[in-house]
Amino acid sequence: MSQEAMPDPVAVYSAAQIDALISTRPDAIRQIVRDYLTGAVSYDDAADKLVIGTPTAPPTTPPVTPPVTPPVTPPVTPPVTPPSTGKRIFTGDYSTGDFTQWTGVQNRLYNSNGAGYSADKQTYLAKIVQDGGVPTARFEVRQGDNPGFSAGTDRSEVAGPTSSCGKEGDTLWYSMSMKFDPSFPQNHATLGWALVAQWHGGNIAPSIAWSVGWKNGSLSLLMMPQAAVDQWMGNYSIYDVPLGTDWHNFKLQISHSASDTKGFVRLWRNNTRVIFADGKDTHYKRTMAPIAGTSGAGYFKQGLYRKAMAPTSILYHRGFKCGTDEASVS
């Protein structure tokens, strides 16, 4: 029997139809028996019918998996920097193009207020120059540049008002920049002491100063503690950096006090916090001398003040600010 002559793959036959097949197609009956034995034919007792072929089940639709929606990351809102509540106390950055911000100018040819140190009076000792388009004070000291006091010294400096330095109990911030000329002596420690910036607590010698005469080829932050006015306890450096010829941009936080537990200094150079020689980022020590009967209001000086010596020294200052918080001196 050919495949084409076989009954439909899926069909239902009544008893009469089966009898007709038996009489006319005995070969079909043999095929039906074989299919019955293999499960391809079944008998529906309830309907009294023979079912040939296995009905095809409807196709199964696979479950639809909903797409996975990635979690939405909310945008990051940068922190809001609160406005500064501090106060700028003094500005001595030379942005005026002259020395009028400073209370005093001291050098061999001039010793008076900054407002009177006009352009026609400016000499090599102290004058305003432009460095990268920024007004900058250039100081130069040669052998014999003494203003008529403090024998055995040379100097060219500016001095600020009492607001340029703190008094007992004040914690103030300072910013300043300085740079040394390529010709600047690299052996100042051998030649003798030299200070390029000083914090004076009252009208006395400083208790903190930037020095170029502590270590050859270095700029050093000196602590100069006093047991009483001019009673020195021993100077020492808490930070040294090579002089170089690039700008040193400093920021300091100073707690002004005659107490070794209340006075402290913190320092940043080029926006990086400095770790001091003792391995700490805060150095506790008295930062002004005990002064009986006064709050010890002081003043700040910058330029160059040194022991009398032969070599010429040239350096630059700019950007000095004093305020009550970090933002106020930025």
Protein backbone atom coordinates (compact mmCIF):
# COMPACT_ATOMS: atom_id res chain seq x y z
CA MET A 1 0.00 0.00 0.00
CA SER A 2 1.40 3.30 -1.01
CA GLN A 3 1.77 6.14 1.47
CA GLU A 4 -0.69 8.20 -0.62
CA ALA A 5 -3.41 5.53 -0.25
CA MET A 6 -3.27 5.48 3.54
CA PRO A 7 -6.05 7.14 5.52
CA ASP A 8 -5.61 10.73 6.55
CA PRO A 9 -2.90 11.15 9.20
CA VAL A 10 -5.49 12.44 11.63
CA ALA A 11 -9.04 11.14 11.07
CA VAL A 12 -12.03 9.77 12.99
CA TYR A 13 -13.91 6.77 11.48
CA SER A 14 -17.32 5.48 12.46
CA ALA A 15 -18.16 1.75 12.68
CA ALA A 16 -19.83 1.82 9.23
CA GLN A 17 -16.79 3.41 7.69
CA ILE A 18 -14.57 0.74 9.26
CA ASP A 19 -16.79 -2.07 7.87
CA ALA A 20 -16.47 -0.49 4.43
CA LEU A 21 -12.69 -0.44 4.74
CA ILE A 22 -12.61 -4.12 5.77
CA SER A 23 -14.58 -5.13 2.69
CA THR A 24 -12.82 -2.96 0.18
CA ARG A 25 -9.29 -2.51 1.58
CA PRO A 26 -8.03 -5.37 3.73
CA ASP A 27 -4.53 -3.90 3.41
CA ALA A 28 -5.74 -0.79 5.26
CA ILE A 29 -6.96 -2.96 8.11
CA ARG A 30 -3.46 -4.49 8.44
CA GLN A 31 -1.98 -0.96 8.56
CA ILE A 32 -4.53 0.13 11.18
CA VAL A 33 -3.59 -2.84 13.38
CA ARG A 34 0.11 -1.98 13.11
CA ASP A 35 -0.62 1.67 13.94
CA TYR A 36 -2.79 0.64 16.87
CA LEU A 37 0.08 -1.37 18.27
CA THR A 38 2.44 1.64 17.93
CA GLY A 39 -0.04 4.07 19.40
CA ALA A 40 -0.82 5.85 16.15
CA VAL A 41 -4.45 4.56 16.28
CA SER A 42 -6.78 4.70 19.26
CA TYR A 43 -10.42 3.81 19.88
CA ASP A 44 -12.81 6.29 21.41
CA ASP A 45 -15.18 4.06 23.49
CA ALA A 46 -17.57 6.86 24.36
CA ALA A 47 -18.08 7.85 20.75
CA ASP A 48 -17.63 4.28 19.39
CA LYS A 49 -15.16 5.63 16.88
CA LEU A 50 -11.66 4.78 15.71
CA VAL A 51 -9.20 7.65 15.80
CA ILE A 52 -6.33 7.35 13.32
CA GLY A 53 -3.25 9.54 13.86
CA THR A 54 -2.27 11.62 16.84
CA PRO A 55 -3.88 15.02 16.92
CA THR A 56 -1.28 17.72 16.86
CA ALA A 57 -1.36 19.82 19.96
CA PRO A 58 -1.62 23.50 19.36
CA PRO A 59 1.76 25.15 19.36
CA THR A 60 2.92 26.21 22.74
CA THR A 61 3.65 29.89 23.02
CA PRO A 62 6.70 30.39 25.22
CA PRO A 63 6.18 32.75 28.12
CA VAL A 64 7.12 36.28 27.34
CA THR A 65 9.90 37.50 29.59
CA PRO A 66 9.45 41.18 30.19
CA PRO A 67 12.55 43.21 29.36
CA VAL A 68 14.74 44.03 32.32
CA THR A 69 14.80 47.74 32.88
CA PRO A 70 18.13 48.79 34.37
CA PRO A 71 17.83 50.82 37.55
CA VAL A 72 17.89 54.53 36.94
CA THR A 73 20.83 56.20 38.64
CA PRO A 74 19.81 59.61 39.85
CA PRO A 75 22.11 62.43 38.73
CA VAL A 76 24.83 63.32 41.20
CA THR A 77 24.34 66.78 42.58
CA PRO A 78 27.67 68.37 43.49
CA PRO A 79 27.86 69.56 47.08
CA VAL A 80 26.99 73.17 47.54
CA THR A 81 29.83 75.16 49.04
CA PRO A 82 28.34 77.42 51.66
CA PRO A 83 29.19 81.07 51.23
CA SER A 84 32.09 82.28 53.29
CA THR A 85 31.11 83.79 56.59
CA GLY A 86 34.64 85.04 57.06
CA LYS A 87 36.05 88.48 56.64
CA ARG A 88 39.06 89.83 54.77
CA ILE A 89 41.01 91.84 57.32
CA PHE A 90 43.93 93.09 55.25
CA THR A 91 44.99 92.99 51.59
CA GLY A 92 48.57 93.63 50.58
CA ASP A 93 48.68 92.02 47.14
CA TYR A 94 49.96 95.07 45.18
CA SER A 95 46.90 94.85 42.90
CA THR A 96 46.74 98.65 43.10
CA GLY A 97 50.01 98.79 41.17
CA ASP A 98 51.79 100.58 44.00
CA PHE A 99 52.57 100.33 47.74
CA THR A 100 49.52 102.21 49.06
CA GLN A 101 48.07 99.11 50.75
CA TRP A 102 51.02 98.96 53.13
CA THR A 103 51.44 101.10 56.22
CA GLY A 104 55.17 101.47 55.80
CA VAL A 105 58.06 101.04 53.37
CA GLN A 106 61.56 100.69 54.83
CA ASN A 107 64.76 100.81 52.84
CA ARG A 108 67.96 102.81 52.62
CA LEU A 109 66.34 105.65 50.66
CA TYR A 110 62.84 105.71 52.12
CA ASN A 111 61.32 105.04 55.55
CA SER A 112 57.73 106.21 55.70
CA ASN A 113 54.16 105.28 54.72
CA GLY A 114 53.36 103.24 51.65
CA ALA A 115 51.03 105.87 50.20
CA GLY A 116 53.95 108.29 49.93
CA TYR A 117 56.21 105.79 48.18
CA SER A 118 55.20 106.95 44.72
CA ALA A 119 56.60 105.73 41.42
CA ASP A 120 59.12 108.56 41.25
CA LYS A 121 60.59 107.41 44.59
CA GLN A 122 60.79 103.74 43.66
CA THR A 123 64.30 102.47 43.03
CA TYR A 124 65.92 99.05 42.75
CA LEU A 125 65.28 98.63 46.50
CA ALA A 126 61.51 98.18 46.10
CA LYS A 127 59.39 98.67 43.02
CA ILE A 128 56.33 97.28 41.25
CA VAL A 129 56.86 95.05 38.22
CA GLN A 130 54.56 92.89 36.14
CA ASP A 131 55.08 89.14 36.32
CA GLY A 132 52.74 87.25 34.01
CA GLY A 133 50.47 90.29 33.96
CA VAL A 134 50.20 90.34 37.77
CA PRO A 135 51.44 93.33 39.79
CA THR A 136 54.37 92.11 41.86
CA ALA A 137 56.73 93.75 44.34
CA ARG A 138 60.41 93.32 43.49
CA PHE A 139 62.83 93.73 46.39
CA GLU A 140 66.58 94.04 46.07
CA VAL A 141 69.15 94.39 48.83
CA ARG A 142 72.80 95.21 48.24
CA GLN A 143 75.67 95.55 50.62
CA GLY A 144 75.20 98.64 52.80
CA ASP A 145 71.43 98.99 52.24
CA ASN A 146 70.68 100.01 55.80
CA PRO A 147 67.83 102.49 56.49
CA GLY A 148 69.69 104.21 59.34
CA PHE A 149 68.77 101.93 62.23
CA SER A 150 69.59 98.37 63.34
CA ALA A 151 73.31 98.59 62.70
CA GLY A 152 74.90 95.59 61.04
CA THR A 153 71.83 94.81 58.94
CA ASP A 154 70.56 95.41 55.41
CA ARG A 155 66.89 95.62 54.51
CA SER A 156 64.16 96.49 52.04
CA GLU A 157 60.70 95.71 53.44
CA VAL A 158 57.07 96.70 53.70
CA ALA A 159 55.04 96.61 56.91
CA GLY A 160 51.29 96.17 57.34
CA PRO A 161 48.92 97.64 59.94
CA THR A 162 47.95 95.82 63.15
CA SER A 163 45.15 94.16 61.17
CA SER A 164 47.77 92.27 59.14
CA CYS A 165 48.65 90.02 62.09
CA GLY A 166 46.61 88.52 64.91
CA LYS A 167 46.52 89.23 68.61
CA GLU A 168 46.20 86.80 71.52
CA GLY A 169 43.30 84.41 70.88
CA ASP A 170 42.93 85.15 67.14
CA THR A 171 42.99 82.29 64.62
CA LEU A 172 43.63 83.82 61.21
CA TRP A 173 44.33 82.70 57.66
CA TYR A 174 47.06 84.09 55.43
CA SER A 175 47.92 83.65 51.77
CA MET A 176 51.08 84.86 50.05
CA SER A 177 53.38 84.08 47.14
CA MET A 178 57.11 84.56 46.77
CA LYS A 179 59.74 83.81 44.16
CA PHE A 180 63.52 84.05 44.12
CA ASP A 181 65.62 85.49 41.33
CA PRO A 182 68.03 83.02 39.66
CA SER A 183 70.89 85.15 41.03
CA PHE A 184 69.68 84.76 44.63
CA PRO A 185 72.50 83.42 46.86
CA GLN A 186 72.17 79.72 47.58
CA ASN A 187 74.46 79.87 50.62
CA HIS A 188 72.62 82.34 52.83
CA ALA A 189 72.94 80.07 55.87
CA THR A 190 76.70 80.24 55.48
CA LEU A 191 76.64 84.00 54.87
CA GLY A 192 74.30 84.75 57.78
CA TRP A 193 70.65 84.99 58.82
CA ALA A 194 68.00 86.47 56.51
CA LEU A 195 64.22 86.80 56.83
CA VAL A 196 61.78 87.32 53.95
CA ALA A 197 58.48 87.44 55.91
CA GLN A 198 57.72 88.00 59.59
CA TRP A 199 54.75 87.87 61.97
CA HIS A 200 55.36 90.34 64.79
CA GLY A 201 53.29 89.89 67.94
CA GLY A 202 53.27 93.47 69.20
CA ASN A 203 56.11 95.89 68.53
CA ILE A 204 58.71 93.21 69.20
CA ALA A 205 60.75 90.64 67.32
CA PRO A 206 58.77 88.01 65.39
CA SER A 207 57.79 84.59 66.73
CA ILE A 208 57.18 83.11 63.25
CA ALA A 209 59.14 83.94 60.10
CA TRP A 210 60.08 82.71 56.64
CA SER A 211 63.86 82.44 56.48
CA VAL A 212 66.44 81.90 53.72
CA GLY A 213 69.31 81.83 56.20
CA TRP A 214 68.49 78.68 58.14
CA LYS A 215 69.53 76.07 55.59
CA ASN A 216 71.56 76.72 52.44
CA GLY A 217 69.46 76.73 49.30
CA SER A 218 66.20 76.49 51.24
CA LEU A 219 63.21 78.53 52.31
CA SER A 220 62.36 77.62 55.90
CA LEU A 221 59.39 78.30 58.17
CA LEU A 222 60.95 79.20 61.51
CA MET A 223 59.43 79.05 64.94
CA MET A 224 61.11 81.66 67.16
CA PRO A 225 59.48 81.22 70.59
CA GLN A 226 60.13 83.71 73.38
CA ALA A 227 59.68 83.16 77.12
CA ALA A 228 59.25 86.93 77.44
CA VAL A 229 60.00 89.82 75.13
CA ASP A 230 63.38 89.13 73.51
CA GLN A 231 64.05 86.13 75.79
CA TRP A 232 64.63 83.51 73.14
CA MET A 233 63.92 79.85 73.77
CA GLY A 234 65.70 78.58 70.66
CA ASN A 235 64.73 78.94 66.99
CA TYR A 236 63.93 75.89 64.87
CA SER A 237 62.52 75.08 61.43
CA ILE A 238 59.33 73.08 60.95
CA TYR A 239 59.46 73.07 57.14
CA ASP A 240 62.13 73.48 54.45
CA VAL A 241 61.68 73.68 50.70
CA PRO A 242 64.30 74.36 47.99
CA LEU A 243 64.38 78.00 46.91
CA GLY A 244 64.14 77.26 43.20
CA THR A 245 63.03 79.99 40.79
CA ASP A 246 59.29 79.20 40.58
CA TRP A 247 56.52 80.77 42.62
CA HIS A 248 55.90 79.39 46.09
CA ASN A 249 52.19 79.84 46.81
CA PHE A 250 51.53 79.54 50.52
CA LYS A 251 48.47 79.49 52.69
CA LEU A 252 48.71 79.38 56.48
CA GLN A 253 46.31 79.09 59.37
CA ILE A 254 47.84 80.49 62.55
CA SER A 255 46.42 80.49 66.06
CA HIS A 256 48.05 83.50 67.69
CA SER A 257 48.81 82.79 71.31
CA ALA A 258 51.61 82.91 73.87
CA SER A 259 50.51 79.44 74.99
CA ASP A 260 52.29 76.32 73.73
CA THR A 261 48.97 74.42 73.77
CA LYS A 262 46.80 77.10 72.11
CA GLY A 263 49.19 78.47 69.52
CA PHE A 264 49.54 76.47 66.30
CA VAL A 265 50.50 76.67 62.63
CA ARG A 266 49.08 74.84 59.60
CA LEU A 267 50.56 75.25 56.13
CA TRP A 268 49.66 74.58 52.48
CA ARG A 269 52.07 74.97 49.58
CA ASN A 270 50.65 75.14 46.06
CA ASN A 271 47.30 73.91 47.45
CA THR A 272 48.82 70.83 49.07
CA ARG A 273 48.73 70.36 52.85
CA VAL A 274 52.22 70.30 54.30
CA ILE A 275 53.39 67.64 56.71
CA PHE A 276 55.91 69.21 59.07
CA ALA A 277 59.29 67.86 60.10
CA ASP A 278 57.72 66.11 63.12
CA GLY A 279 55.36 64.13 60.87
CA LYS A 280 52.24 66.12 61.80
CA ASP A 281 50.14 68.59 59.82
CA THR A 282 49.56 70.90 62.79
CA HIS A 283 52.44 72.29 64.83
CA TYR A 284 51.58 73.44 68.34
CA LYS A 285 53.84 76.09 69.87
CA ARG A 286 53.50 79.62 71.14
CA THR A 287 53.20 81.92 68.14
CA MET A 288 53.77 85.21 69.95
CA ALA A 289 55.68 86.40 72.99
CA PRO A 290 53.89 86.99 76.30
CA ILE A 291 53.31 90.73 76.56
CA ALA A 292 52.16 92.02 79.93
CA GLY A 293 49.26 94.45 79.97
CA THR A 294 48.40 94.25 76.27
CA SER A 295 46.57 92.01 73.83
CA GLY A 296 49.71 91.93 71.75
CA ALA A 297 48.25 93.21 68.48
CA GLY A 298 51.04 92.89 65.94
CA TYR A 299 51.84 93.42 62.29
CA PHE A 300 53.22 91.56 59.29
CA LYS A 301 56.31 92.40 57.23
CA GLN A 302 57.69 91.08 53.95
CA GLY A 303 60.65 91.87 51.70
CA LEU A 304 64.18 91.04 52.83
CA TYR A 305 65.86 91.72 56.18
CA ARG A 306 69.31 90.23 56.63
CA LYS A 307 72.62 90.35 58.34
CA ALA A 308 74.93 92.79 56.52
CA MET A 309 76.79 90.94 53.77
CA ALA A 310 78.31 91.46 50.34
CA PRO A 311 76.09 89.53 47.88
CA THR A 312 73.08 91.14 46.23
CA SER A 313 69.73 89.42 46.88
CA ILE A 314 66.64 89.82 44.65
CA LEU A 315 63.22 88.31 45.33
CA TYR A 316 59.54 88.91 44.55
CA HIS A 317 56.41 89.06 46.69
CA ARG A 318 52.73 89.27 45.82
CA GLY A 319 49.27 88.09 46.82
CA PHE A 320 49.36 88.72 50.58
CA LYS A 321 45.94 88.52 52.25
CA CYS A 322 44.79 88.09 55.83
CA GLY A 323 41.30 86.97 56.87
CA THR A 324 39.20 85.07 59.36
CA ASP A 325 38.63 81.95 57.23
CA GLU A 326 40.16 80.13 54.29
CA ALA A 327 37.71 81.48 51.72
CA SER A 328 38.42 85.05 52.73
CA VAL A 329 42.06 84.79 51.59
CA SER A 330 41.46 82.84 48.38
